């Protein structure tokens, strides 16, 4: 923002990334030395076996990151190459709306892989199963309400955001939201499998899905337009997430189909249907709603989902966490009040 306000333009905005990254690296080094003061970086102690293990894992991670870029960053290039530049804008805007859940969920998922690695190394199979169930349920709890909102009123949100002319891309927003929901449902499974050194299977699946995303989008675009590109991404997501990653994870972790339905899918699907029904009734008949009206609808649907979610029998861990947060906040409030009274 400072670069833009200073008149440096887009090039200046990108250029400031360099010093920011340097400063972040320096800060990371300082923090690393603080928490691991005995750590020394050098050639002593290095061996080929360790290098091979690191390269094996990092190459799989690189393949997964490449696949992610193929799935999320190449559709616009395909559209620009095979259609018109004007068609890139609505697709890019619709995709950005679908990425909202990912931006939230990814912060939570950063913890899953190292925790899975620790549990796998200590042979805590039951705790790994619990981690898979709870993390998958929370990932869906983040993604489902976002998908509900975008599926029901995605067109209205797009019209408010960039103009009424984009309101008729509601179907495109819904398709992209469902596609991201399906992919996000198996993010915890992929992270746990990475922590269990099952990285080659995850990398191969992700890379194949990424390539199919580009190929199917290019094949379907001439006949079905932007909808074809979205469907070209939806099909590989369904195959990779629901037909490969999920069955492999449940077999590896010994989680039965009944347990997965009862403790992962039902606690989010049932409140999701309720939230969708409430949102649909609230927006029914409204053609050009105002921003306060849309925000009210979204808040009401999210509240319905949240109440329904924490009320589900399987969500005892979440209820316990909420109770702990409220207890800690109450304790802190009482202490602050007591301190104020003493000062007074």
Protein backbone atom coordinates (compact mmCIF):
# COMPACT_ATOMS: atom_id res chain seq x y z
CA UNK A 1 0.00 0.00 0.00
CA UNK A 2 2.82 2.39 0.83
CA UNK A 3 4.42 1.70 -2.55
CA UNK A 4 1.17 2.38 -4.37
CA UNK A 5 0.45 5.56 -2.45
CA UNK A 6 4.03 6.70 -3.18
CA UNK A 7 3.32 6.37 -6.90
CA UNK A 8 5.66 3.44 -7.53
CA UNK A 9 2.99 1.50 -9.41
CA UNK A 10 2.66 -2.27 -9.73
CA UNK A 11 6.41 -2.75 -10.24
CA UNK A 12 7.15 -0.93 -7.00
CA UNK A 13 4.50 -2.94 -5.17
CA UNK A 14 6.20 -6.16 -6.29
CA UNK A 15 9.68 -4.81 -5.59
CA UNK A 16 8.99 -4.26 -1.90
CA UNK A 17 8.45 -8.00 -1.54
CA UNK A 18 12.24 -8.48 -1.73
CA UNK A 19 13.21 -6.48 1.39
CA UNK A 20 10.17 -7.83 3.22
CA UNK A 21 11.29 -11.41 2.57
CA UNK A 22 14.85 -10.56 3.66
CA UNK A 23 13.58 -9.07 6.92
CA UNK A 24 11.32 -12.07 7.53
CA UNK A 25 14.28 -14.40 6.99
CA UNK A 26 16.40 -12.45 9.45
CA UNK A 27 13.60 -12.50 12.01
CA UNK A 28 13.15 -16.24 11.56
CA UNK A 29 16.89 -16.80 12.10
CA UNK A 30 16.84 -14.75 15.31
CA UNK A 31 13.82 -16.66 16.63
CA UNK A 32 15.38 -19.99 15.67
CA UNK A 33 18.54 -19.18 17.60
CA UNK A 34 16.44 -18.19 20.57
CA UNK A 35 14.51 -21.47 20.75
CA UNK A 36 17.43 -23.70 19.65
CA UNK A 37 20.57 -21.96 20.87
CA UNK A 38 22.72 -25.10 20.43
CA UNK A 39 21.89 -25.39 16.73
CA UNK A 40 24.84 -24.78 14.41
CA UNK A 41 24.64 -24.62 10.63
CA UNK A 42 27.57 -26.20 8.80
CA UNK A 43 28.83 -29.20 6.82
CA UNK A 44 29.88 -31.21 9.85
CA UNK A 45 27.52 -34.06 10.59
CA UNK A 46 25.96 -34.10 7.11
CA UNK A 47 25.56 -37.48 5.39
CA UNK A 48 24.20 -38.74 2.11
CA UNK A 49 21.39 -40.76 3.67
CA UNK A 50 20.00 -37.65 5.36
CA UNK A 51 20.31 -35.69 2.12
CA UNK A 52 18.42 -38.42 0.23
CA UNK A 53 15.62 -38.41 2.81
CA UNK A 54 15.33 -34.62 2.68
CA UNK A 55 15.37 -34.57 -1.13
CA UNK A 56 12.80 -37.36 -1.33
CA UNK A 57 10.37 -35.52 0.91
CA UNK A 58 11.06 -32.05 -0.49
CA UNK A 59 10.62 -33.23 -4.09
CA UNK A 60 7.18 -34.57 -3.18
CA UNK A 61 6.30 -31.28 -1.48
CA UNK A 62 7.52 -29.43 -4.58
CA UNK A 63 5.27 -31.62 -6.75
CA UNK A 64 2.30 -30.88 -4.47
CA UNK A 65 2.99 -27.14 -4.59
CA UNK A 66 3.28 -27.34 -8.39
CA UNK A 67 -0.04 -29.17 -8.53
CA UNK A 68 -1.64 -26.49 -6.37
CA UNK A 69 -0.45 -23.82 -8.78
CA UNK A 70 -1.80 -25.82 -11.73
CA UNK A 71 -5.19 -26.08 -10.03
CA UNK A 72 -5.51 -22.48 -8.88
CA UNK A 73 -3.35 -20.30 -11.13
CA UNK A 74 -3.54 -21.68 -14.67
CA UNK A 75 -7.23 -21.50 -15.57
CA UNK A 76 -6.94 -17.81 -16.40
CA UNK A 77 -4.03 -18.56 -18.79
CA UNK A 78 -6.09 -21.27 -20.49
CA UNK A 79 -9.03 -18.86 -20.88
CA UNK A 80 -6.79 -16.09 -22.24
CA UNK A 81 -5.15 -18.46 -24.73
CA UNK A 82 -8.30 -20.18 -26.01
CA UNK A 83 -11.01 -17.54 -25.48
CA UNK A 84 -10.76 -13.78 -24.93
CA UNK A 85 -9.06 -11.62 -22.34
CA UNK A 86 -12.47 -10.23 -21.33
CA UNK A 87 -13.48 -13.69 -20.12
CA UNK A 88 -10.54 -13.85 -17.70
CA UNK A 89 -11.93 -11.18 -15.36
CA UNK A 90 -15.22 -12.85 -14.32
CA UNK A 91 -13.53 -16.22 -13.83
CA UNK A 92 -10.72 -14.71 -11.76
CA UNK A 93 -13.20 -12.80 -9.58
CA UNK A 94 -15.35 -15.89 -9.05
CA UNK A 95 -12.27 -17.94 -8.16
CA UNK A 96 -11.14 -15.35 -5.63
CA UNK A 97 -14.46 -15.68 -3.83
CA UNK A 98 -14.01 -19.45 -3.73
CA UNK A 99 -10.57 -19.03 -2.14
CA UNK A 100 -11.96 -17.38 1.00
CA UNK A 101 -12.31 -20.66 2.90
CA UNK A 102 -8.80 -21.74 1.90
CA UNK A 103 -7.24 -18.58 3.33
CA UNK A 104 -8.82 -19.35 6.70
CA UNK A 105 -8.36 -23.12 6.73
CA UNK A 106 -4.70 -23.07 5.67
CA UNK A 107 -3.72 -21.35 8.93
CA UNK A 108 -5.19 -24.24 10.90
CA UNK A 109 -3.71 -26.94 8.65
CA UNK A 110 -0.14 -25.75 9.21
CA UNK A 111 -0.24 -27.49 12.58
CA UNK A 112 -1.58 -30.84 11.35
CA UNK A 113 1.44 -32.23 9.46
CA UNK A 114 4.13 -31.79 12.16
CA UNK A 115 1.72 -33.09 14.80
CA UNK A 116 0.94 -36.13 12.64
CA UNK A 117 4.67 -36.73 12.16
CA UNK A 118 5.25 -36.66 15.92
CA UNK A 119 2.34 -39.02 16.63
CA UNK A 120 3.42 -41.39 13.84
CA UNK A 121 7.00 -41.50 15.15
CA UNK A 122 5.76 -42.34 18.65
CA UNK A 123 3.32 -44.94 17.26
CA UNK A 124 0.18 -43.33 18.65
CA UNK A 125 -2.27 -44.82 16.16
CA UNK A 126 -5.40 -43.94 18.12
CA UNK A 127 -4.32 -40.32 18.48
CA UNK A 128 -3.60 -40.17 14.75
CA UNK A 129 -7.14 -41.36 14.07
CA UNK A 130 -8.50 -38.72 16.41
CA UNK A 131 -6.37 -36.05 14.71
CA UNK A 132 -7.71 -37.11 11.30
CA UNK A 133 -11.34 -37.06 12.42
CA UNK A 134 -11.22 -33.77 14.32
CA UNK A 135 -9.06 -31.89 11.79
CA UNK A 136 -11.20 -33.09 8.86
CA UNK A 137 -14.35 -32.03 10.67
CA UNK A 138 -12.93 -28.58 11.47
CA UNK A 139 -11.74 -28.11 7.88
CA UNK A 140 -15.28 -28.84 6.72
CA UNK A 141 -16.70 -26.58 9.42
CA UNK A 142 -14.66 -23.74 7.89
CA UNK A 143 -15.37 -24.60 4.24
CA UNK A 144 -19.05 -25.63 4.32
CA UNK A 145 -20.56 -22.29 5.46
CA UNK A 146 -18.43 -20.41 2.94
CA UNK A 147 -19.55 -22.79 0.18
CA UNK A 148 -23.18 -22.39 1.29
CA UNK A 149 -22.99 -18.61 1.11
CA UNK A 150 -21.28 -18.59 -2.29
CA UNK A 151 -23.61 -21.23 -3.71
CA UNK A 152 -26.81 -19.48 -2.62
CA UNK A 153 -25.94 -15.79 -3.05
CA UNK A 154 -22.61 -15.86 -4.88
CA UNK A 155 -24.05 -13.94 -7.81
CA UNK A 156 -25.42 -11.19 -5.55
CA UNK A 157 -22.07 -10.89 -3.77
CA UNK A 158 -20.28 -10.62 -7.10
CA UNK A 159 -22.74 -7.94 -8.26
CA UNK A 160 -22.17 -5.91 -5.09
CA UNK A 161 -18.42 -6.34 -5.34
CA UNK A 162 -17.74 -5.41 -8.96
CA UNK A 163 -21.08 -4.42 -10.48
CA UNK A 164 -24.49 -5.77 -11.56
CA UNK A 165 -23.10 -6.94 -14.91
CA UNK A 166 -21.32 -9.78 -13.12
CA UNK A 167 -24.39 -11.03 -11.24
CA UNK A 168 -25.25 -13.64 -13.89
CA UNK A 169 -22.04 -15.55 -13.09
CA UNK A 170 -23.72 -17.04 -10.01
CA UNK A 171 -23.51 -20.57 -11.44
CA UNK A 172 -19.78 -20.18 -12.03
CA UNK A 173 -19.24 -19.02 -8.43
CA UNK A 174 -21.25 -22.00 -7.13
CA UNK A 175 -19.27 -24.52 -9.20
CA UNK A 176 -15.93 -23.11 -8.05
CA UNK A 177 -17.13 -23.02 -4.42
CA UNK A 178 -18.20 -26.69 -4.53
CA UNK A 179 -14.90 -27.63 -6.17
CA UNK A 180 -12.89 -25.89 -3.43
CA UNK A 181 -15.12 -27.48 -0.76
CA UNK A 182 -14.40 -30.97 -2.07
CA UNK A 183 -10.67 -30.28 -2.24
CA UNK A 184 -10.55 -28.71 1.23
CA UNK A 185 -12.37 -31.66 2.78
CA UNK A 186 -9.26 -33.78 2.25
CA UNK A 187 -6.55 -31.24 3.10
CA UNK A 188 -6.13 -32.66 6.63
CA UNK A 189 -5.90 -36.19 5.23
CA UNK A 190 -3.15 -35.12 2.83
CA UNK A 191 -1.21 -33.34 5.58
CA UNK A 192 -1.46 -36.33 7.90
CA UNK A 193 -0.32 -38.69 5.14
CA UNK A 194 2.65 -36.38 4.54
CA UNK A 195 3.48 -36.57 8.23
CA UNK A 196 3.34 -40.38 7.99
CA UNK A 197 5.85 -40.36 5.07
CA UNK A 198 3.18 -41.31 2.54
CA UNK A 199 4.27 -38.33 0.50
CA UNK A 200 4.85 -40.08 -2.83
CA UNK A 201 1.23 -41.17 -3.16
CA UNK A 202 -0.05 -37.71 -2.18
CA UNK A 203 2.34 -36.01 -4.62
CA UNK A 204 1.46 -38.30 -7.53
CA UNK A 205 -2.26 -37.81 -6.94
CA UNK A 206 -1.96 -34.03 -6.61
CA UNK A 207 0.23 -33.66 -9.71
CA UNK A 208 -2.05 -35.85 -11.84
CA UNK A 209 -5.05 -33.86 -10.65
CA UNK A 210 -3.30 -30.59 -11.50
CA UNK A 211 -2.45 -31.73 -15.03
CA UNK A 212 -6.01 -32.98 -15.58
CA UNK A 213 -7.30 -29.64 -14.35
CA UNK A 214 -5.45 -27.84 -17.15
CA UNK A 215 -6.22 -30.43 -19.86
CA UNK A 216 -9.94 -30.77 -19.10
CA UNK A 217 -10.33 -27.01 -18.82
CA UNK A 218 -8.78 -26.55 -22.24
CA UNK A 219 -10.96 -29.30 -23.74
CA UNK A 220 -14.26 -28.12 -22.24
CA UNK A 221 -13.78 -24.37 -22.71
CA UNK A 222 -14.63 -24.20 -26.46
CA UNK A 223 -17.97 -26.00 -25.97
CA UNK A 224 -19.10 -24.90 -22.51
CA UNK A 225 -17.28 -21.62 -21.91
CA UNK A 226 -16.23 -20.63 -18.40
CA UNK A 227 -18.53 -23.28 -16.93
CA UNK A 228 -16.50 -25.90 -18.78
CA UNK A 229 -13.29 -24.63 -17.19
CA UNK A 230 -14.89 -24.84 -13.74
CA UNK A 231 -16.16 -28.37 -14.42
CA UNK A 232 -12.69 -29.24 -15.71
CA UNK A 233 -11.38 -28.43 -12.24
CA UNK A 234 -14.27 -30.05 -10.38
CA UNK A 235 -13.86 -33.50 -11.95
CA UNK A 236 -10.17 -33.99 -10.95
CA UNK A 237 -10.94 -32.69 -7.46
CA UNK A 238 -13.70 -35.26 -7.00
CA UNK A 239 -11.51 -38.11 -8.27
CA UNK A 240 -8.40 -37.13 -6.33
CA UNK A 241 -10.09 -36.13 -3.07
CA UNK A 242 -13.03 -38.49 -2.72
CA UNK A 243 -11.88 -41.50 -4.77
CA UNK A 244 -8.16 -41.67 -3.90
CA UNK A 245 -7.03 -39.58 -0.90
CA UNK A 246 -10.04 -40.20 1.34
CA UNK A 247 -10.17 -44.02 0.89
CA UNK A 248 -6.40 -44.31 1.27
CA UNK A 249 -6.41 -42.19 4.45
CA UNK A 250 -9.30 -44.07 6.04
CA UNK A 251 -7.66 -47.44 5.28
CA UNK A 252 -4.27 -46.28 6.55
CA UNK A 253 -5.71 -44.84 9.75
CA UNK A 254 -8.35 -47.58 10.15
CA UNK A 255 -11.32 -45.26 10.18
CA UNK A 256 -14.54 -46.99 9.13
CA UNK A 257 -17.04 -45.51 6.69
CA UNK A 258 -19.64 -45.30 9.44
CA UNK A 259 -17.26 -43.40 11.72
CA UNK A 260 -16.35 -40.98 8.92
CA UNK A 261 -20.01 -40.28 8.15
CA UNK A 262 -21.02 -39.98 11.80
CA UNK A 263 -18.08 -37.91 13.07
CA UNK A 264 -16.85 -35.96 10.02
CA UNK A 265 -19.52 -35.49 7.37
CA UNK A 266 -22.84 -35.45 9.25
CA UNK A 267 -21.81 -32.80 11.83
CA UNK A 268 -21.12 -30.35 8.98
CA UNK A 269 -23.62 -31.48 6.33
CA UNK A 270 -26.70 -31.22 8.55
CA UNK A 271 -25.99 -27.66 9.81
CA UNK A 272 -24.93 -26.77 6.26
CA UNK A 273 -28.32 -27.76 4.86
CA UNK A 274 -30.06 -25.77 7.61
CA UNK A 275 -27.91 -22.71 6.94
CA UNK A 276 -28.55 -22.98 3.19
CA UNK A 277 -32.31 -23.17 3.78
CA UNK A 278 -32.27 -20.09 6.03
CA UNK A 279 -30.12 -18.12 3.59
CA UNK A 280 -32.29 -19.10 0.62
CA UNK A 281 -35.48 -17.99 2.42
CA UNK A 282 -33.92 -14.68 3.48
CA UNK A 283 -32.73 -13.78 0.00
CA UNK A 284 -35.73 -15.15 -1.90
CA UNK A 285 -37.29 -12.50 -4.11
CA UNK A 286 -34.53 -9.96 -3.61
CA UNK A 287 -33.06 -8.81 -6.91
CA UNK A 288 -30.60 -6.06 -5.96
CA UNK A 289 -29.97 -6.25 -2.22
CA UNK A 290 -27.93 -3.68 -0.36
CA UNK A 291 -24.66 -4.49 1.36
CA UNK A 292 -26.18 -4.34 4.89
CA UNK A 293 -28.91 -6.77 3.80
CA UNK A 294 -26.39 -9.25 2.39
CA UNK A 295 -24.24 -9.00 5.51
CA UNK A 296 -27.33 -9.65 7.65
CA UNK A 297 -28.22 -12.73 5.60
CA UNK A 298 -24.68 -14.09 5.83
CA UNK A 299 -24.50 -13.48 9.57
CA UNK A 300 -27.84 -15.24 10.12
CA UNK A 301 -26.81 -18.28 8.07
CA UNK A 302 -23.42 -18.50 9.79
CA UNK A 303 -25.11 -18.30 13.19
CA UNK A 304 -27.48 -21.14 12.25
CA UNK A 305 -24.54 -23.22 11.07
CA UNK A 306 -22.46 -22.51 14.18
CA UNK A 307 -25.28 -23.39 16.57
CA UNK A 308 -26.09 -26.54 14.65
CA UNK A 309 -22.45 -27.56 14.42
CA UNK A 310 -21.57 -27.25 18.10
CA UNK A 311 -24.84 -29.01 18.97
CA UNK A 312 -23.92 -32.15 17.02
CA UNK A 313 -23.03 -35.13 19.27
CA UNK A 314 -19.66 -35.68 17.55
CA UNK A 315 -18.43 -32.13 18.25
CA UNK A 316 -17.56 -32.66 21.92
CA UNK A 317 -13.94 -31.54 21.36
CA UNK A 318 -15.11 -28.23 19.91
CA UNK A 319 -17.59 -27.68 22.76
CA UNK A 320 -14.82 -28.37 25.27
CA UNK A 321 -12.54 -25.88 23.51
CA UNK A 322 -15.25 -23.20 23.46
CA UNK A 323 -15.95 -23.78 27.14
CA UNK A 324 -12.24 -23.41 27.94
CA UNK A 325 -12.02 -20.17 25.93
CA UNK A 326 -15.03 -18.69 27.69
CA UNK A 327 -13.73 -19.81 31.09
CA UNK A 328 -10.32 -18.22 30.40
CA UNK A 329 -11.96 -15.01 29.16
CA UNK A 330 -14.21 -14.90 32.23
CA UNK A 331 -11.25 -15.41 34.55
CA UNK A 332 -9.28 -12.68 32.80
CA UNK A 333 -12.26 -10.32 32.98
CA UNK A 334 -12.66 -10.91 36.72
CA UNK A 335 -8.96 -10.28 37.28
CA UNK A 336 -9.05 -7.08 35.25
CA UNK A 337 -12.12 -5.87 37.15
CA UNK A 338 -10.44 -6.65 40.46
CA UNK A 339 -7.28 -4.76 39.38
CA UNK A 340 -9.36 -1.73 38.36
CA UNK A 341 -11.13 -1.76 41.72
CA UNK A 342 -7.85 -1.94 43.62
CA UNK A 343 -6.44 0.98 41.65
CA UNK A 344 -9.64 2.97 42.25
